Amino acid sequence: MAEKTWVRMVTAQTPTNIAVIKYWGKRDETLILPVNDSISVTLDPAHLCTITTVAVSPIFDQDRMWLNGKEISLSGGRYQNCLREIRARACEVEDKEKGIKIAKNDWEKLHVHVASYNNFPTAAGLASSAAGFACLVFALAKLMKAKEDNSELSAIARQGSGSACRSLFGGFVKWIMGKAADGSDSLAVQLVDEKHWDELVIIIAVVSSRQKETSSTTGMRDSVETSLLLRHRAKEVVPKRIKQMEEAIKNRDFGSFAQLTCADSNQFHAVCLDTCPPIFYMNDTSHRIISCVEKWNCSEGMPQVAYTFDAGPNAVLIAHNRKAATQLIQKLLFCFPPSSDADLNSYVIGDKSILKDAGIEDIKDVEALPPPPEIKDAQRCKGDVSYFICTKPGRGPDLLSDESLALLHPETGLPK
């Protein structure tokens, strides 16, 4: 290593993803190997992403990490697995301009600093750990000049958080469960990129941004141990659904896509109820959103919107196209208007152009919305939704070259 004091930094942005065929249950807790394949859609990182800066320097005396401004421990097995696996693949790095020269075997002796920021609620069922671990692994791989491609990196990210492997790609992504005992064949592959089905619009109803009572890790373990439905699902149901979903995505067949997405979400939550003790991730507001969508789809004679819920009460609603999304936001804002003191600008975030298409410019327009004709005696449940995020399928991870976006100081390697 060159003697001069230096800090080498890399900043990356990684999207989150939402499974349309769910991952629930591990066959190996340590390596995080799933009991079934899963398929997800990557969300536009402009609206939901993790930004991570990683730094290395001879002046650092230990590995340290800050998440959303607060220092957290890196001693957990999942972080250590990711750090160990990337360090083992590190290559020589030289930057003559900054006087940096790191030999391959120097990486074992050097410490890293990590700062990570989610632009959406952590641990509330919006796959923040997926984006977080994917971003950590992607950024570290770039910092250490690892030669692995994103599919190979996904097998490392998986050891941090299972769903993280699917955030290494944009568009629609399949996590292949694999068969090898060491997990070497349990990795993510891209089915299609984000441009393949770009008319889809995604609206997320954030029902609660609070941390959930039962973590996914605990919930999965309990389901694997006690749910007979989970065993039937993994063996008999999911293999068929995976093939049907791949076909629906390839052909942009929204009718089949919506039917499979809704059915798989409902079965996942049925597995949670079939677990001992039962797990309740959805709440009354979640159920009302499902009812609204089902009644509308039924009245149209063909699906306009698919719904899916991960391990939390928040609804991810995938609209067939822009027209359906415009109608959907009108129905949602009628049924779930903001509380009296809310500002529309902070109640609907992300791609606000959908509001414009829906003819909604302020709270008065929300108050004037007609009730959805398919819902008899439609009630207005003011304040039951915290806010909505309008987004779309998005791209995979990116390096951010703009140094002003770095979360660590270039001279000290400490949070800005």
Protein backbone atom coordinates (compact mmCIF):
# COMPACT_ATOMS: atom_id res chain seq x y z
CA MET A 1 0.00 0.00 0.00
CA ALA A 2 1.18 3.54 -0.73
CA GLU A 3 2.17 5.28 2.52
CA LYS A 4 0.30 8.54 1.93
CA THR A 5 -2.98 8.93 3.84
CA TRP A 6 -5.93 8.59 1.48
CA VAL A 7 -9.63 7.70 1.35
CA ARG A 8 -11.06 5.77 -1.61
CA MET A 9 -14.84 6.05 -1.98
CA VAL A 10 -17.63 4.71 -4.19
CA THR A 11 -21.31 5.69 -4.10
CA ALA A 12 -24.07 3.53 -5.59
CA GLN A 13 -27.83 3.61 -5.90
CA THR A 14 -29.89 0.41 -5.86
CA PRO A 15 -33.65 0.00 -6.32
CA THR A 16 -36.03 -1.98 -4.17
CA ASN A 17 -38.19 -4.74 -5.61
CA ILE A 18 -41.61 -6.20 -4.92
CA ALA A 19 -42.25 -9.92 -5.43
CA VAL A 20 -45.20 -10.92 -7.59
CA ILE A 21 -44.51 -14.61 -6.87
CA LYS A 22 -43.46 -14.60 -3.24
CA TYR A 23 -40.39 -15.87 -1.44
CA TRP A 24 -41.44 -17.18 1.97
CA GLY A 25 -39.46 -19.84 3.80
CA LYS A 26 -35.81 -20.92 3.85
CA ARG A 27 -34.38 -24.40 3.52
CA ASP A 28 -31.04 -23.11 4.89
CA GLU A 29 -31.12 -20.25 7.43
CA THR A 30 -27.40 -19.43 7.31
CA LEU A 31 -26.96 -19.31 3.52
CA ILE A 32 -30.50 -17.95 3.03
CA LEU A 33 -31.62 -20.58 0.54
CA PRO A 34 -35.35 -20.45 -0.29
CA VAL A 35 -37.91 -23.26 -0.46
CA ASN A 36 -39.18 -21.99 -3.85
CA ASP A 37 -38.32 -19.77 -6.83
CA SER A 38 -39.70 -16.20 -6.82
CA ILE A 39 -40.29 -13.39 -9.34
CA SER A 40 -40.25 -9.67 -8.66
CA VAL A 41 -40.61 -6.31 -10.34
CA THR A 42 -37.91 -3.72 -9.71
CA LEU A 43 -39.26 -0.27 -8.79
CA ASP A 44 -38.02 3.00 -10.26
CA PRO A 45 -35.02 4.07 -8.12
CA ALA A 46 -36.05 7.72 -8.57
CA HIS A 47 -38.87 6.97 -6.11
CA LEU A 48 -37.68 4.00 -4.02
CA CYS A 49 -34.00 3.27 -3.58
CA THR A 50 -31.05 2.92 -1.25
CA ILE A 51 -27.98 5.12 -1.72
CA THR A 52 -24.80 3.71 -0.20
CA THR A 53 -21.32 5.17 0.03
CA VAL A 54 -18.48 2.79 0.88
CA ALA A 55 -14.98 4.00 1.73
CA VAL A 56 -11.64 2.35 2.48
CA SER A 57 -8.59 3.97 4.08
CA PRO A 58 -5.49 2.95 6.07
CA ILE A 59 -6.64 5.47 8.73
CA PHE A 60 -9.79 3.43 9.55
CA ASP A 61 -9.26 1.19 12.59
CA GLN A 62 -12.49 -0.85 12.30
CA ASP A 63 -15.40 -1.56 9.94
CA ARG A 64 -18.24 0.92 10.67
CA MET A 65 -21.71 1.57 9.23
CA TRP A 66 -24.32 4.32 9.46
CA LEU A 67 -27.94 3.71 8.34
CA ASN A 68 -30.12 6.79 7.82
CA GLY A 69 -27.68 8.82 9.92
CA LYS A 70 -27.45 6.44 12.91
CA GLU A 71 -24.46 4.18 13.52
CA ILE A 72 -25.35 0.49 13.58
CA SER A 73 -23.29 -2.60 14.36
CA LEU A 74 -21.65 -4.53 11.52
CA SER A 75 -21.01 -7.53 13.75
CA GLY A 76 -24.14 -9.42 12.60
CA GLY A 77 -23.59 -12.57 10.58
CA ARG A 78 -25.38 -11.25 7.50
CA TYR A 79 -23.16 -8.16 7.18
CA GLN A 80 -20.06 -10.23 7.92
CA ASN A 81 -21.00 -12.79 5.23
CA CYS A 82 -21.29 -10.04 2.59
CA LEU A 83 -18.03 -8.34 3.65
CA ARG A 84 -16.12 -11.64 3.74
CA GLU A 85 -17.39 -12.80 0.33
CA ILE A 86 -16.56 -9.51 -1.42
CA ARG A 87 -13.13 -9.20 0.26
CA ALA A 88 -12.32 -12.72 -0.99
CA ARG A 89 -13.00 -11.49 -4.55
CA ALA A 90 -11.21 -8.13 -4.27
CA CYS A 91 -8.61 -7.25 -6.88
CA GLU A 92 -5.67 -4.86 -7.06
CA VAL A 93 -6.63 -1.18 -7.14
CA GLU A 94 -4.37 1.66 -8.28
CA ASP A 95 -5.11 5.38 -8.50
CA LYS A 96 -1.85 7.21 -9.25
CA GLU A 97 -3.50 10.62 -9.07
CA LYS A 98 -4.54 10.08 -5.44
CA GLY A 99 -1.47 8.00 -4.55
CA ILE A 100 -3.53 4.87 -3.90
CA LYS A 101 -2.19 1.38 -4.47
CA ILE A 102 -3.96 -1.57 -2.88
CA ALA A 103 -2.61 -5.06 -3.54
CA LYS A 104 -5.06 -7.96 -3.64
CA ASN A 105 -3.93 -9.30 -0.25
CA ASP A 106 -4.08 -5.82 1.38
CA TRP A 107 -7.90 -5.93 1.47
CA GLU A 108 -7.90 -8.39 4.38
CA LYS A 109 -6.08 -5.81 6.54
CA LEU A 110 -8.03 -2.71 5.46
CA HIS A 111 -11.27 -1.53 7.11
CA VAL A 112 -14.31 -0.02 5.42
CA HIS A 113 -16.82 2.67 6.34
CA VAL A 114 -20.38 2.36 5.00
CA ALA A 115 -23.13 4.98 5.00
CA SER A 116 -26.55 4.04 3.69
CA TYR A 117 -29.76 6.00 3.22
CA ASN A 118 -33.24 4.74 2.23
CA ASN A 119 -35.61 7.25 0.63
CA PHE A 120 -38.56 5.20 1.99
CA PRO A 121 -39.53 3.65 5.37
CA THR A 122 -37.17 0.99 6.75
CA ALA A 123 -38.60 -2.38 7.92
CA ALA A 124 -42.23 -1.52 7.06
CA GLY A 125 -42.82 -4.14 4.38
CA LEU A 126 -41.32 -2.15 1.48
CA ALA A 127 -38.24 -4.37 1.05
CA SER A 128 -35.75 -1.84 2.46
CA SER A 129 -33.35 -4.62 3.53
CA ALA A 130 -33.39 -5.95 -0.06
CA ALA A 131 -32.28 -2.62 -1.53
CA GLY A 132 -29.85 -2.10 1.37
CA PHE A 133 -27.91 -5.34 1.09
CA ALA A 134 -27.95 -5.23 -2.74
CA CYS A 135 -26.49 -1.73 -2.61
CA LEU A 136 -23.87 -2.71 -0.02
CA VAL A 137 -22.65 -5.65 -2.11
CA PHE A 138 -22.76 -3.74 -5.43
CA ALA A 139 -20.87 -0.74 -3.97
CA LEU A 140 -18.25 -2.89 -2.20
CA ALA A 141 -17.69 -4.89 -5.41
CA LYS A 142 -16.99 -1.64 -7.30
CA LEU A 143 -14.78 -0.30 -4.47
CA MET A 144 -12.68 -3.50 -4.48
CA LYS A 145 -12.77 -3.96 -8.29
CA ALA A 146 -14.34 -7.43 -8.01
CA LYS A 147 -14.82 -8.99 -11.46
CA GLU A 148 -18.10 -10.84 -10.73
CA ASP A 149 -21.17 -9.97 -12.82
CA ASN A 150 -24.47 -8.91 -11.21
CA SER A 151 -25.86 -12.45 -11.20
CA GLU A 152 -22.79 -13.71 -9.33
CA LEU A 153 -23.00 -10.71 -6.96
CA SER A 154 -26.67 -11.56 -6.36
CA ALA A 155 -25.61 -14.84 -4.71
CA ILE A 156 -23.58 -12.76 -2.22
CA ALA A 157 -26.33 -10.17 -1.63
CA ARG A 158 -28.70 -13.10 -0.95
CA GLN A 159 -26.62 -13.93 2.13
CA GLY A 160 -27.51 -10.53 3.56
CA SER A 161 -31.23 -10.56 2.72
CA GLY A 162 -32.85 -13.12 0.46
CA SER A 163 -34.82 -10.60 -1.61
CA ALA A 164 -31.67 -8.50 -2.07
CA CYS A 165 -30.50 -10.80 -4.85
CA ARG A 166 -33.43 -9.60 -7.01
CA SER A 167 -32.42 -5.91 -6.62
CA LEU A 168 -29.25 -6.45 -8.70
CA PHE A 169 -31.34 -6.13 -11.88
CA GLY A 170 -34.05 -3.89 -13.31
CA GLY A 171 -37.36 -4.94 -14.89
CA PHE A 172 -38.69 -8.37 -13.93
CA VAL A 173 -36.30 -10.66 -12.08
CA LYS A 174 -36.36 -14.34 -11.13
CA TRP A 175 -34.58 -15.72 -8.06
CA ILE A 176 -33.72 -19.34 -8.89
CA MET A 177 -33.90 -21.34 -5.64
CA GLY A 178 -31.09 -23.67 -6.76
CA LYS A 179 -30.31 -27.17 -5.57
CA ALA A 180 -26.66 -27.07 -4.47
CA ALA A 181 -26.05 -27.39 -0.73
CA ASP A 182 -23.53 -24.51 -0.80
CA GLY A 183 -26.03 -22.15 -2.47
CA SER A 184 -23.79 -21.53 -5.48
CA ASP A 185 -26.72 -21.94 -7.90
CA SER A 186 -29.22 -19.88 -5.86
CA LEU A 187 -29.06 -16.55 -7.67
CA ALA A 188 -31.03 -13.95 -9.60
CA VAL A 189 -31.45 -13.59 -13.36
CA GLN A 190 -33.23 -10.87 -15.31
CA LEU A 191 -36.31 -12.08 -17.19
CA VAL A 192 -36.94 -8.81 -19.08
CA ASP A 193 -35.66 -5.27 -18.63
CA GLU A 194 -37.72 -2.27 -17.50
CA LYS A 195 -38.51 -1.21 -21.08
CA HIS A 196 -40.22 -4.52 -21.96
CA TRP A 197 -43.51 -3.62 -20.21
CA ASP A 198 -43.16 0.10 -19.69
CA GLU A 199 -46.89 0.93 -19.80
CA LEU A 200 -47.34 -0.54 -16.31
CA VAL A 201 -47.87 2.01 -13.52
CA ILE A 202 -47.34 1.14 -9.86
CA ILE A 203 -49.09 2.89 -6.96
CA ILE A 204 -48.08 2.01 -3.41
CA ALA A 205 -50.45 2.77 -0.56
CA VAL A 206 -48.29 3.22 2.53
CA VAL A 207 -50.75 2.15 5.20
CA SER A 208 -48.14 2.16 7.94
CA SER A 209 -44.47 3.08 7.99
CA ARG A 210 -43.99 1.58 11.46
CA GLN A 211 -41.71 -1.38 12.03
CA LYS A 212 -43.69 -4.62 11.83
CA GLU A 213 -44.38 -6.75 14.93
CA THR A 214 -43.13 -10.02 13.42
CA SER A 215 -39.94 -9.72 11.36
CA SER A 216 -39.77 -11.61 8.05
CA THR A 217 -36.93 -13.76 9.43
CA THR A 218 -38.94 -14.89 12.46
CA GLY A 219 -42.16 -15.26 10.45
CA MET A 220 -40.51 -17.45 7.81
CA ARG A 221 -38.91 -19.69 10.40
CA ASP A 222 -42.26 -20.21 12.15
CA SER A 223 -44.03 -20.89 8.82
CA VAL A 224 -41.45 -23.49 7.74
CA GLU A 225 -41.77 -25.26 11.10
CA THR A 226 -45.57 -25.21 11.45
CA SER A 227 -47.45 -24.50 8.19
CA LEU A 228 -48.65 -27.47 6.13
CA LEU A 229 -49.91 -24.99 3.52
CA LEU A 230 -46.36 -23.68 3.02
CA ARG A 231 -45.12 -27.18 2.16
CA HIS A 232 -47.97 -27.69 -0.33
CA ARG A 233 -47.37 -24.22 -1.81
CA ALA A 234 -43.61 -24.74 -2.30
CA LYS A 235 -43.97 -28.23 -3.79
CA GLU A 236 -47.19 -28.08 -5.82
CA VAL A 237 -48.32 -24.49 -6.41
CA VAL A 238 -45.30 -22.23 -6.97
CA PRO A 239 -43.48 -24.29 -9.67
CA LYS A 240 -46.59 -24.06 -11.91
CA ARG A 241 -47.15 -20.38 -11.10
CA ILE A 242 -43.54 -19.49 -11.93
CA LYS A 243 -43.92 -20.91 -15.46
CA GLN A 244 -47.28 -19.17 -15.95
CA MET A 245 -45.92 -15.86 -14.64
CA GLU A 246 -42.85 -15.99 -16.91
CA GLU A 247 -45.19 -16.55 -19.86
CA ALA A 248 -47.53 -13.70 -18.81
CA ILE A 249 -44.59 -11.28 -18.47
CA LYS A 250 -43.04 -12.33 -21.78
CA ASN A 251 -46.38 -11.85 -23.60
CA ARG A 252 -47.42 -8.75 -21.59
CA ASP A 253 -50.63 -10.65 -20.75
CA PHE A 254 -52.05 -8.43 -18.01
CA GLY A 255 -55.12 -10.59 -17.33
CA SER A 256 -52.98 -13.62 -16.43
CA PHE A 257 -50.38 -11.45 -14.69
CA ALA A 258 -53.00 -9.84 -12.42
CA GLN A 259 -54.72 -13.14 -11.59
CA LEU A 260 -51.41 -14.80 -10.64
CA THR A 261 -50.11 -11.79 -8.68
CA CYS A 262 -53.27 -11.40 -6.56
CA ALA A 263 -53.62 -15.16 -5.99
CA ASP A 264 -49.99 -15.51 -4.90
CA SER A 265 -50.19 -12.55 -2.52
CA ASN A 266 -53.35 -13.97 -0.97
CA GLN A 267 -51.80 -17.42 -0.60
CA PHE A 268 -48.68 -15.96 1.03
CA HIS A 269 -50.87 -14.25 3.65
CA ALA A 270 -52.89 -17.47 4.02
CA VAL A 271 -49.61 -19.24 4.86
CA CYS A 272 -48.99 -16.55 7.50
CA LEU A 273 -52.42 -17.30 9.02
CA ASP A 274 -51.69 -21.04 8.80
CA THR A 275 -48.52 -20.49 10.87
CA CYS A 276 -48.46 -21.18 14.61
CA PRO A 277 -48.75 -18.68 16.19
CA PRO A 278 -50.57 -16.94 13.28
CA ILE A 279 -48.94 -13.88 11.70
CA PHE A 280 -51.03 -10.83 10.78
CA TYR A 281 -49.20 -8.55 8.35
CA MET A 282 -52.26 -6.95 6.75
CA ASN A 283 -54.80 -4.82 8.60
CA ASP A 284 -58.36 -3.55 7.97
CA THR A 285 -57.15 -0.86 5.58
CA SER A 286 -55.22 -3.49 3.57
CA HIS A 287 -58.42 -5.55 3.31
CA ARG A 288 -60.47 -2.52 2.21
CA ILE A 289 -57.96 -1.80 -0.57
CA ILE A 290 -58.24 -5.41 -1.80
CA SER A 291 -62.04 -5.08 -1.77
CA CYS A 292 -61.90 -1.85 -3.83
CA VAL A 293 -59.64 -3.44 -6.45
CA GLU A 294 -61.61 -6.70 -6.65
CA LYS A 295 -64.93 -4.85 -7.11
CA TRP A 296 -63.49 -2.62 -9.84
CA ASN A 297 -61.83 -5.51 -11.70
CA CYS A 298 -65.09 -7.48 -11.49
CA SER A 299 -67.19 -4.57 -12.80
CA GLU A 300 -64.86 -4.13 -15.79
CA GLY A 301 -65.02 -7.83 -16.71
CA MET A 302 -61.20 -7.96 -16.92
CA PRO A 303 -58.45 -6.97 -14.49
CA GLN A 304 -57.36 -3.32 -14.55
CA VAL A 305 -55.15 -3.56 -11.46
CA ALA A 306 -53.18 -6.27 -9.64
CA TYR A 307 -52.48 -6.04 -5.92
CA THR A 308 -49.71 -7.58 -3.88
CA PHE A 309 -48.68 -7.25 -0.23
CA ASP A 310 -45.31 -8.20 1.19
CA ALA A 311 -44.73 -8.76 4.92
CA GLY A 312 -46.59 -5.63 5.98
CA PRO A 313 -49.89 -3.79 5.47
CA ASN A 314 -48.78 -1.64 2.52
CA ALA A 315 -50.50 -2.29 -0.81
CA VAL A 316 -48.54 -2.41 -4.06
CA LEU A 317 -51.02 -1.84 -6.88
CA ILE A 318 -49.92 -2.50 -10.46
CA ALA A 319 -52.12 -0.82 -13.05
CA HIS A 320 -52.47 -2.13 -16.60
CA ASN A 321 -51.66 1.25 -18.15
CA ARG A 322 -51.74 5.01 -17.59
CA LYS A 323 -55.51 5.26 -18.08
CA ALA A 324 -56.16 2.55 -15.46
CA ALA A 325 -53.67 4.24 -13.08
CA THR A 326 -55.50 7.57 -13.44
CA GLN A 327 -58.83 5.94 -12.57
CA LEU A 328 -57.17 4.01 -9.73
CA ILE A 329 -55.77 7.14 -8.04
CA GLN A 330 -59.21 8.79 -8.26
CA LYS A 331 -60.84 5.77 -6.58
CA LEU A 332 -58.13 5.52 -3.94
CA LEU A 333 -58.31 9.22 -3.08
CA PHE A 334 -62.09 9.02 -2.78
CA CYS A 335 -61.94 6.01 -0.45
CA PHE A 336 -58.79 7.08 1.45
CA PRO A 337 -58.59 10.88 1.45
CA PRO A 338 -55.82 12.60 3.43
CA SER A 339 -56.49 13.77 6.98
CA SER A 340 -57.75 17.35 7.22
CA ASP A 341 -54.37 18.96 7.90
CA ALA A 342 -52.51 17.02 5.16
CA ASP A 343 -50.89 18.61 2.15
CA LEU A 344 -51.66 16.88 -1.18
CA ASN A 345 -48.06 17.43 -2.25
CA SER A 346 -46.78 15.17 0.55
CA TYR A 347 -49.77 12.79 0.39
CA VAL A 348 -49.08 11.67 -3.19
CA ILE A 349 -45.35 11.47 -3.91
CA GLY A 350 -43.19 10.08 -6.71
CA ASP A 351 -44.58 10.60 -10.23
CA LYS A 352 -47.09 13.39 -9.56
CA SER A 353 -48.06 13.66 -13.24
CA ILE A 354 -50.69 10.95 -12.57
CA LEU A 355 -52.52 13.44 -10.34
CA LYS A 356 -52.50 15.95 -13.17
CA ASP A 357 -53.92 13.34 -15.57
CA ALA A 358 -56.64 12.65 -13.00
CA GLY A 359 -57.56 16.35 -12.85
CA ILE A 360 -56.51 16.66 -9.21
CA GLU A 361 -54.57 19.78 -8.26
CA ASP A 362 -55.51 20.38 -4.62
CA ILE A 363 -57.51 19.03 -1.67
CA LYS A 364 -60.73 20.60 -3.03
CA ASP A 365 -60.45 18.37 -6.10
CA VAL A 366 -60.10 15.33 -3.81
CA GLU A 367 -63.20 16.38 -1.85
CA ALA A 368 -65.16 16.74 -5.12
CA LEU A 369 -64.34 13.23 -6.40
CA PRO A 370 -67.42 11.06 -7.14
CA PRO A 371 -67.77 7.71 -5.35
CA PRO A 372 -66.64 4.69 -7.41
CA PRO A 373 -69.87 3.37 -9.03
CA GLU A 374 -68.93 -0.27 -8.39
CA ILE A 375 -68.72 0.26 -4.59
CA LYS A 376 -72.16 0.45 -3.00
CA ASP A 377 -72.40 3.07 -0.22
CA ALA A 378 -68.68 3.80 -0.53
CA GLN A 379 -67.19 5.11 2.72
CA ARG A 380 -64.44 7.70 2.97
CA CYS A 381 -61.77 6.51 5.42
CA LYS A 382 -59.89 9.73 6.09
CA GLY A 383 -56.32 9.30 7.36
CA ASP A 384 -56.22 5.49 7.05
CA VAL A 385 -53.46 5.70 4.41
CA SER A 386 -50.28 7.59 5.39
CA TYR A 387 -49.41 8.49 1.79
CA PHE A 388 -49.24 7.13 -1.78
CA ILE A 389 -46.14 6.60 -3.94
CA CYS A 390 -46.64 6.66 -7.74
CA THR A 391 -43.89 4.84 -9.58
CA LYS A 392 -43.18 2.31 -12.37
CA PRO A 393 -40.85 -0.60 -13.21
CA GLY A 394 -37.26 0.64 -13.03
CA ARG A 395 -33.63 -0.08 -13.79
CA GLY A 396 -31.04 -1.93 -11.72
CA PRO A 397 -28.09 -0.57 -9.68
CA ASP A 398 -26.00 2.41 -10.79
CA LEU A 399 -22.78 4.05 -9.70
CA LEU A 400 -23.21 7.74 -8.82
CA SER A 401 -20.24 9.72 -10.11
CA ASP A 402 -21.42 13.06 -8.67
CA GLU A 403 -19.28 13.37 -5.52
CA SER A 404 -21.79 15.75 -3.92
CA LEU A 405 -24.16 12.75 -3.57
CA ALA A 406 -21.65 10.82 -1.43
CA LEU A 407 -22.79 10.22 2.14
CA LEU A 408 -19.26 10.15 3.58
CA HIS A 409 -16.74 13.00 3.72
CA PRO A 410 -13.97 12.51 1.09
CA GLU A 411 -11.18 13.39 3.55
CA THR A 412 -12.29 11.74 6.78
CA GLY A 413 -14.55 8.92 5.55
CA LEU A 414 -17.06 9.92 8.24
CA PRO A 415 -20.73 10.86 7.62
CA LYS A 416 -21.24 14.34 6.19
